[in-house]
C-alpha atoms as a PDB file:
ATOM      1  CA  MET A   1      17.458 -15.854  19.409  1.00  0.00           C
ATOM      2  CA  ALA A   2      16.144 -15.048  16.159  1.00  0.00           C
ATOM      3  CA  LEU A   3      16.128 -11.850  14.604  1.00  0.00           C
ATOM      4  CA  ALA A   4      12.574 -10.390  13.696  1.00  0.00           C
ATOM      5  CA  ASP A   5      11.876  -9.968   9.916  1.00  0.00           C
ATOM      6  CA  TYR A   6      10.613  -6.254  10.078  1.00  0.00           C
ATOM      7  CA  THR A   7      10.966  -6.167   6.262  1.00  0.00           C
ATOM      8  CA  ALA A   8       8.221  -8.685   5.627  1.00  0.00           C
ATOM      9  CA  GLY A   9       5.848  -6.778   8.082  1.00  0.00           C
ATOM     10  CA  VAL A  10       6.362  -3.359   6.428  1.00  0.00           C
ATOM     11  CA  ASP A  11       5.380  -5.483   3.077  1.00  0.00           C
ATOM     12  CA  HIS A  12       2.296  -6.826   5.081  1.00  0.00           C
ATOM     13  CA  LEU A  13       1.432  -3.415   6.512  1.00  0.00           C
ATOM     14  CA  GLN A  14       1.660  -1.622   2.771  1.00  0.00           C
ATOM     15  CA  LYS A  15      -0.571  -4.395   1.212  1.00  0.00           C
ATOM     16  CA  ALA A  16      -3.237  -3.940   4.187  1.00  0.00           C
ATOM     17  CA  LEU A  17      -3.202  -0.110   4.016  1.00  0.00           C
ATOM     18  CA  GLY A  18      -3.330  -0.335  -0.012  1.00  0.00           C
ATOM     19  CA  ARG A  19      -6.145  -2.371   0.187  1.00  0.00           C
ATOM     20  CA  ALA A  20      -7.706  -0.681   2.965  1.00  0.00           C
ATOM     21  CA  PHE A  21      -7.121   2.785   0.684  1.00  0.00           C
ATOM     22  CA  SER A  22      -8.847   1.204  -2.044  1.00  0.00           C
ATOM     23  CA  SER A  23     -12.450   0.851  -0.349  1.00  0.00           C
ATOM     24  CA  GLU A  24     -11.941   3.586   2.209  1.00  0.00           C
ATOM     25  CA  PRO A  25     -10.035   6.353   0.253  1.00  0.00           C
ATOM     26  CA  TRP A  26     -10.844   8.865   3.086  1.00  0.00           C
ATOM     27  CA  LEU A  27      -8.098   6.921   5.128  1.00  0.00           C
ATOM     28  CA  LEU A  28      -5.584   9.025   3.847  1.00  0.00           C
ATOM     29  CA  ASN A  29      -5.203  13.010   2.816  1.00  0.00           C
ATOM     30  CA  LEU A  30      -8.408  14.559   3.907  1.00  0.00           C
ATOM     31  CA  PRO A  31      -7.680  16.995   6.981  1.00  0.00           C
ATOM     32  CA  GLY A  32     -10.296  16.162   9.784  1.00  0.00           C
ATOM     33  CA  ARG A  33     -11.050  12.788   8.674  1.00  0.00           C
ATOM     34  CA  SER A  34      -8.180  10.969   7.834  1.00  0.00           C
ATOM     35  CA  VAL A  35      -5.703   9.016   9.621  1.00  0.00           C
ATOM     36  CA  ALA A  36      -2.396  10.433   8.118  1.00  0.00           C
ATOM     37  CA  CYS A  37      -2.323  13.764   5.883  1.00  0.00           C
ATOM     38  CA  LYS A  38       0.691  14.440   3.291  1.00  0.00           C
ATOM     39  CA  ILE A  39       2.389  17.105   4.451  1.00  0.00           C
ATOM     40  CA  ASP A  40       5.374  17.616   1.943  1.00  0.00           C
ATOM     41  CA  GLN A  41       6.926  15.068  -0.457  1.00  0.00           C
ATOM     42  CA  HIS A  42       8.917  13.457   2.240  1.00  0.00           C
ATOM     43  CA  TYR A  43       6.463  13.180   5.352  1.00  0.00           C
ATOM     44  CA  PHE A  44       2.801  12.466   6.310  1.00  0.00           C
ATOM     45  CA  LEU A  45       1.755  13.459   9.596  1.00  0.00           C
ATOM     46  CA  ALA A  46      -0.247  10.795  11.318  1.00  0.00           C
ATOM     47  CA  VAL A  47      -2.965  11.344  14.095  1.00  0.00           C
ATOM     48  CA  MET A  48      -2.113   9.012  16.925  1.00  0.00           C
ATOM     49  CA  PRO A  49      -2.851   6.672  17.784  1.00  0.00           C
ATOM     50  CA  GLY A  50      -5.578   6.357  15.608  1.00  0.00           C
ATOM     51  CA  PHE A  51      -3.298   5.478  12.751  1.00  0.00           C
ATOM     52  CA  LEU A  52      -1.502   2.821  14.283  1.00  0.00           C
ATOM     53  CA  ASP A  53      -4.867   1.216  15.634  1.00  0.00           C
ATOM     54  CA  THR A  54      -6.193   1.750  11.809  1.00  0.00           C
ATOM     55  CA  LEU A  55      -3.004  -0.065  10.489  1.00  0.00           C
ATOM     56  CA  ALA A  56      -3.252  -2.893  13.191  1.00  0.00           C
ATOM     57  CA  ARG A  57      -6.980  -3.446  12.274  1.00  0.00           C
ATOM     58  CA  VAL A  58      -6.463  -3.658   8.706  1.00  0.00           C
ATOM     59  CA  GLY A  59      -3.291  -5.766   9.238  1.00  0.00           C
ATOM     60  CA  GLY A  60      -4.480  -8.133  11.704  1.00  0.00           C
ATOM     61  CA  MET A  61      -1.303  -7.122  14.131  1.00  0.00           C
ATOM     62  CA  PHE A  62      -1.383  -5.275  17.207  1.00  0.00           C
ATOM     63  CA  PRO A  63      -0.770  -1.542  17.600  1.00  0.00           C
ATOM     64  CA  ASP A  64       2.346  -2.285  19.145  1.00  0.00           C
ATOM     65  CA  GLN A  65       3.749  -4.546  16.733  1.00  0.00           C
ATOM     66  CA  VAL A  66       3.021  -2.020  14.332  1.00  0.00           C
ATOM     67  CA  ARG A  67       4.715   0.795  15.786  1.00  0.00           C
ATOM     68  CA  GLU A  68       7.724  -1.316  16.507  1.00  0.00           C
ATOM     69  CA  THR A  69       7.773  -2.630  12.789  1.00  0.00           C
ATOM     70  CA  LEU A  70       7.692   0.942  11.571  1.00  0.00           C
ATOM     71  CA  VAL A  71      10.190   2.232  14.271  1.00  0.00           C
ATOM     72  CA  ARG A  72      12.540  -0.224  13.308  1.00  0.00           C
ATOM     73  CA  THR A  73      12.232   0.111   9.888  1.00  0.00           C
ATOM     74  CA  GLY A  74      12.616   3.910   9.741  1.00  0.00           C
ATOM     75  CA  ASN A  75       9.316   4.668   8.594  1.00  0.00           C
ATOM     76  CA  LEU A  76       7.746   6.191  11.515  1.00  0.00           C
ATOM     77  CA  ILE A  77      10.611   9.224  12.593  1.00  0.00           C
ATOM     78  CA  THR A  78      11.634   9.122  16.016  1.00  0.00           C
ATOM     79  CA  LYS A  79      14.719  10.528  18.200  1.00  0.00           C
ATOM     80  CA  ALA A  80      16.809   8.808  20.154  1.00  0.00           C
ATOM     81  CA  PRO A  81      17.251   7.920  22.933  1.00  0.00           C
ATOM     82  CA  ASP A  82      13.257   7.218  23.856  1.00  0.00           C
ATOM     83  CA  ARG A  83      11.952   6.944  20.380  1.00  0.00           C
ATOM     84  CA  ASP A  84       8.864   7.921  21.057  1.00  0.00           C
ATOM     85  CA  PRO A  85       6.989   9.191  17.245  1.00  0.00           C
ATOM     86  CA  VAL A  86       4.717  11.569  19.242  1.00  0.00           C
ATOM     87  CA  LEU A  87       4.266  15.290  19.352  1.00  0.00           C
ATOM     88  CA  PRO A  88       1.767  17.458  20.305  1.00  0.00           C
ATOM     89  CA  LEU A  89       1.169  19.798  17.418  1.00  0.00           C
ATOM     90  CA  THR A  90      -1.268  22.033  16.261  1.00  0.00           C
ATOM     91  CA  VAL A  91      -2.211  21.902  12.929  1.00  0.00           C
ATOM     92  CA  SER A  92      -4.846  23.889  10.486  1.00  0.00           C
ATOM     93  CA  TRP A  93      -6.872  23.574   7.119  1.00  0.00           C
ATOM     94  CA  GLY A  94      -9.600  25.618   5.842  1.00  0.00           C
ATOM     95  CA  GLY A  95      -8.746  28.059   8.535  1.00  0.00           C
ATOM     96  CA  ARG A  96      -9.571  25.725  11.963  1.00  0.00           C
ATOM     97  CA  ALA A  97      -6.828  25.186  13.983  1.00  0.00           C
ATOM     98  CA  VAL A  98      -6.717  22.148  16.670  1.00  0.00           C
ATOM     99  CA  THR A  99      -4.086  20.457  18.416  1.00  0.00           C
ATOM    100  CA  VAL A 100      -3.508  16.506  17.670  1.00  0.00           C
ATOM    101  CA  SER A 101      -1.011  14.205  18.852  1.00  0.00           C
ATOM    102  CA  GLY A 102       0.745  13.496  15.675  1.00  0.00           C
ATOM    103  CA  ALA A 103       3.614  11.203  14.445  1.00  0.00           C
ATOM    104  CA  PHE A 104       5.942  11.553  11.376  1.00  0.00           C
ATOM    105  CA  VAL A 105       5.432   8.719   8.676  1.00  0.00           C
ATOM    106  CA  ASP A 106       7.952   8.498   5.718  1.00  0.00           C
ATOM    107  CA  ALA A 107       6.079   9.417   2.657  1.00  0.00           C
ATOM    108  CA  ASP A 108       7.686   6.371   0.572  1.00  0.00           C
ATOM    109  CA  PHE A 109       5.735   3.660   2.779  1.00  0.00           C
ATOM    110  CA  ILE A 110       2.464   5.206   2.369  1.00  0.00           C
ATOM    111  CA  ASP A 111       2.835   6.142  -1.154  1.00  0.00           C
ATOM    112  CA  ARG A 112       4.150   3.153  -1.957  1.00  0.00           C
ATOM    113  CA  ALA A 113       1.041   1.274  -0.708  1.00  0.00           C
ATOM    114  CA  VAL A 114      -1.559   3.531  -2.175  1.00  0.00           C
ATOM    115  CA  LYS A 115      -0.065   3.280  -5.823  1.00  0.00           C
ATOM    116  CA  THR A 116       1.396  -0.568  -5.604  1.00  0.00           C
ATOM    117  CA  TYR A 117      -1.364  -1.833  -3.692  1.00  0.00           C
ATOM    118  CA  GLY A 118      -4.258   0.676  -3.225  1.00  0.00           C
ATOM    119  CA  GLY A 119      -5.008   0.910  -7.296  1.00  0.00           C
ATOM    120  CA  LEU A 120      -4.121   4.391  -7.380  1.00  0.00           C
ATOM    121  CA  GLY A 121      -2.098   5.378 -10.502  1.00  0.00           C
ATOM    122  CA  THR A 122       0.098   7.793  -8.624  1.00  0.00           C
ATOM    123  CA  ILE A 123       1.561   8.762  -5.464  1.00  0.00           C
ATOM    124  CA  LEU A 124      -0.924  11.243  -3.521  1.00  0.00           C
ATOM    125  CA  ASN A 125      -0.729  14.820  -3.715  1.00  0.00           C
ATOM    126  CA  VAL A 126       0.454  17.087  -0.613  1.00  0.00           C
ATOM    127  CA  SER A 127      -2.944  17.560   1.557  1.00  0.00           C
ATOM    128  CA  ASP A 128      -4.537  21.301   2.637  1.00  0.00           C
ATOM    129  CA  LEU A 129      -3.408  20.271   6.553  1.00  0.00           C
ATOM    130  CA  LYS A 130      -0.561  22.541   7.465  1.00  0.00           C
ATOM    131  CA  ILE A 131       1.523  22.714  11.107  1.00  0.00           C
ATOM    132  CA  SER A 132       1.873  25.512  13.019  1.00  0.00           C
ATOM    133  CA  SER A 133       4.563  27.440  12.441  1.00  0.00           C
ATOM    134  CA  ALA A 134       5.221  28.001  15.865  1.00  0.00           C
ATOM    135  CA  ASP A 135       5.790  24.372  16.512  1.00  0.00           C
ATOM    136  CA  ARG A 136       8.842  24.373  13.783  1.00  0.00           C
ATOM    137  CA  PRO A 137      11.675  24.709  16.074  1.00  0.00           C
ATOM    138  CA  ARG A 138      10.275  21.669  18.176  1.00  0.00           C
ATOM    139  CA  ILE A 139       9.968  19.763  15.110  1.00  0.00           C
ATOM    140  CA  GLU A 140      13.387  20.857  13.603  1.00  0.00           C
ATOM    141  CA  ALA A 141      14.678  19.548  16.898  1.00  0.00           C
ATOM    142  CA  PHE A 142      12.943  16.545  16.692  1.00  0.00           C
ATOM    143  CA  PHE A 143      14.699  15.818  13.372  1.00  0.00           C
ATOM    144  CA  GLN A 144      17.880  16.318  14.462  1.00  0.00           C
ATOM    145  CA  ASP A 145      20.320  14.373  11.572  1.00  0.00           C
ATOM    146  CA  LYS A 146      17.418  13.795   9.543  1.00  0.00           C
ATOM    147  CA  THR A 147      15.760  16.087   6.732  1.00  0.00           C
ATOM    148  CA  PRO A 148      13.026  17.786   8.420  1.00  0.00           C
ATOM    149  CA  PRO A 149       9.600  18.937   6.663  1.00  0.00           C
ATOM    150  CA  GLN A 150       9.844  21.516   4.070  1.00  0.00           C
ATOM    151  CA  GLY A 151       8.641  25.459   4.555  1.00  0.00           C
ATOM    152  CA  LEU A 152       5.617  24.292   2.729  1.00  0.00           C
ATOM    153  CA  ALA A 153       4.492  21.873   5.792  1.00  0.00           C
ATOM    154  CA  TYR A 154       3.872  25.341   7.750  1.00  0.00           C
ATOM    155  CA  TYR A 155       1.450  27.800   7.973  1.00  0.00           C
END
Protein backbone atom coordinates (compact mmCIF):
# COMPACT_ATOMS: atom_id res chain seq x y z
CA MET A 1 0.00 0.00 0.00
CA ALA A 2 1.45 3.37 -1.01
CA LEU A 3 1.66 6.19 1.49
CA ALA A 4 -0.40 9.26 0.75
CA ASP A 5 1.57 12.38 -0.17
CA TYR A 6 0.07 14.95 2.17
CA THR A 7 2.76 17.53 1.38
CA ALA A 8 1.51 17.83 -2.18
CA GLY A 9 -2.02 18.22 -0.80
CA VAL A 10 -0.92 21.07 1.47
CA ASP A 11 0.76 22.85 -1.43
CA HIS A 12 -2.37 22.42 -3.54
CA LEU A 13 -4.58 23.78 -0.73
CA GLN A 14 -2.29 26.75 -0.13
CA LYS A 15 -2.35 27.68 -3.81
CA ALA A 16 -6.13 27.36 -3.91
CA LEU A 17 -6.59 29.39 -0.72
CA GLY A 18 -4.22 32.09 -1.98
CA ARG A 19 -6.10 32.39 -5.28
CA ALA A 20 -9.44 32.49 -3.46
CA PHE A 21 -8.18 35.13 -1.05
CA SER A 22 -6.96 37.35 -3.89
CA SER A 23 -10.45 37.42 -5.38
CA GLU A 24 -12.39 37.26 -2.07
CA PRO A 25 -10.24 38.91 0.65
CA TRP A 26 -13.09 38.72 3.17
CA LEU A 27 -12.45 34.94 3.44
CA LEU A 28 -9.80 35.67 6.07
CA ASN A 29 -9.37 37.95 9.06
CA LEU A 30 -12.72 39.75 9.20
CA PRO A 31 -14.47 38.59 12.40
CA GLY A 32 -18.10 37.69 11.83
CA ARG A 33 -17.60 37.23 8.11
CA SER A 34 -14.45 35.19 7.52
CA VAL A 35 -13.86 31.45 7.84
CA ALA A 36 -10.60 32.05 9.77
CA CYS A 37 -9.09 34.93 11.75
CA LYS A 38 -5.56 35.35 13.04
CA ILE A 39 -5.54 35.35 16.86
CA ASP A 40 -1.77 35.59 17.45
CA GLN A 41 1.40 35.08 15.41
CA HIS A 42 1.12 31.29 15.71
CA TYR A 43 -2.55 30.51 15.00
CA PHE A 44 -5.69 31.32 13.11
CA LEU A 45 -9.02 30.37 14.64
CA ALA A 46 -11.11 28.70 11.95
CA VAL A 47 -14.90 28.42 12.07
CA MET A 48 -15.83 24.80 11.51
CA PRO A 49 -17.02 23.21 9.30
CA GLY A 50 -17.05 26.38 7.16
CA PHE A 51 -13.26 26.53 6.91
CA LEU A 52 -12.99 22.95 5.67
CA ASP A 53 -15.94 23.39 3.31
CA THR A 54 -14.40 26.54 1.81
CA LEU A 55 -10.99 24.93 1.34
CA ALA A 56 -12.65 21.89 -0.20
CA ARG A 57 -14.64 24.06 -2.62
CA VAL A 58 -11.71 26.19 -3.76
CA GLY A 59 -9.30 23.24 -3.81
CA GLY A 60 -11.53 20.76 -5.62
CA MET A 61 -11.39 18.23 -2.78
CA PHE A 62 -13.82 16.69 -0.32
CA PRO A 63 -13.91 18.26 3.18
CA ASP A 64 -12.79 14.95 4.73
CA GLN A 65 -9.72 14.96 2.46
CA VAL A 66 -8.91 18.54 3.43
CA ARG A 67 -9.26 17.71 7.12
CA GLU A 68 -7.07 14.62 6.87
CA THR A 69 -4.40 16.49 4.91
CA LEU A 70 -4.27 19.34 7.42
CA VAL A 71 -4.32 17.03 10.45
CA ARG A 72 -1.65 14.68 9.07
CA THR A 73 0.67 17.58 8.28
CA GLY A 74 0.13 19.31 11.65
CA ASN A 75 -1.50 22.38 10.12
CA LEU A 76 -4.77 21.70 11.95
CA ILE A 77 -4.07 21.36 15.67
CA THR A 78 -5.45 18.24 17.35
CA LYS A 79 -5.01 16.29 20.55
CA ALA A 80 -4.47 12.56 20.87
CA PRO A 81 -6.08 10.09 20.93
CA ASP A 82 -9.15 11.16 18.94
CA ARG A 83 -7.46 13.86 16.80
CA ASP A 84 -10.65 15.96 16.72
CA PRO A 85 -9.64 19.58 16.02
CA VAL A 86 -13.01 21.15 16.90
CA LEU A 87 -13.70 22.93 20.19
CA PRO A 88 -16.75 24.99 21.17
CA LEU A 89 -15.37 28.45 21.99
CA THR A 90 -16.82 31.79 23.00
CA VAL A 91 -15.33 34.55 20.89
CA SER A 92 -15.81 38.29 20.71
CA TRP A 93 -15.11 41.22 18.43
CA GLY A 94 -16.45 44.71 18.83
CA GLY A 95 -18.10 43.85 22.15
CA ARG A 96 -20.24 41.05 20.76
CA ALA A 97 -19.75 37.50 22.15
CA VAL A 98 -20.85 34.34 20.32
CA THR A 99 -20.13 30.64 20.66
CA VAL A 100 -18.61 28.94 17.63
CA SER A 101 -17.22 25.55 16.70
CA GLY A 102 -13.60 26.47 16.21
CA ALA A 103 -10.31 24.86 15.26
CA PHE A 104 -6.77 26.15 15.44
CA VAL A 105 -4.84 26.37 12.17
CA ASP A 106 -1.09 26.89 12.05
CA ALA A 107 -0.58 30.50 10.96
CA ASP A 108 2.28 29.55 8.63
CA PHE A 109 -0.14 27.55 6.46
CA ILE A 110 -2.45 30.53 5.86
CA ASP A 111 0.26 33.20 5.87
CA ARG A 112 2.17 31.36 3.15
CA ALA A 113 -1.01 30.96 1.12
CA VAL A 114 -1.88 34.68 1.15
CA LYS A 115 1.68 35.95 0.75
CA THR A 116 2.99 33.48 -1.83
CA TYR A 117 -0.15 32.68 -3.82
CA GLY A 118 -2.62 35.43 -2.90
CA GLY A 119 -0.59 38.41 -4.02
CA LEU A 120 -0.45 39.98 -0.56
CA GLY A 121 2.93 41.61 0.03
CA THR A 122 3.03 40.60 3.68
CA ILE A 123 1.39 38.21 6.12
CA LEU A 124 -1.95 39.08 7.72
CA ASN A 125 -2.04 41.05 10.97
CA VAL A 126 -3.68 39.75 14.12
CA SER A 127 -7.44 40.32 13.85
CA ASP A 128 -9.86 41.83 16.38
CA LEU A 129 -11.26 38.38 17.18
CA LYS A 130 -10.58 37.33 20.77
CA ILE A 131 -11.39 34.15 22.71
CA SER A 132 -13.02 34.24 26.14
CA SER A 133 -10.53 33.87 29.00
CA ALA A 134 -12.97 31.35 30.51
CA ASP A 135 -12.02 28.98 27.66
CA ARG A 136 -8.27 29.35 28.27
CA PRO A 137 -7.82 26.37 30.65
CA ARG A 138 -9.56 24.05 28.15
CA ILE A 139 -7.47 25.41 25.29
CA GLU A 140 -4.23 25.00 27.21
CA ALA A 141 -5.17 21.41 28.06
CA PHE A 142 -5.98 20.84 24.38
CA PHE A 143 -2.54 22.20 23.45
CA GLN A 144 -0.74 19.86 25.84
CA ASP A 145 2.91 19.54 24.69
CA LYS A 146 2.36 22.25 22.03
CA THR A 147 2.73 26.02 22.13
CA PRO A 148 -0.72 27.40 23.12
CA PRO A 149 -2.13 30.68 21.83
CA GLN A 150 -0.60 33.75 23.46
CA GLY A 151 -2.37 35.92 25.99
CA LEU A 152 -3.30 38.49 23.33
CA ALA A 153 -5.69 35.89 21.85
CA TYR A 154 -8.04 36.29 24.85
CA TYR A 155 -10.40 38.90 26.23
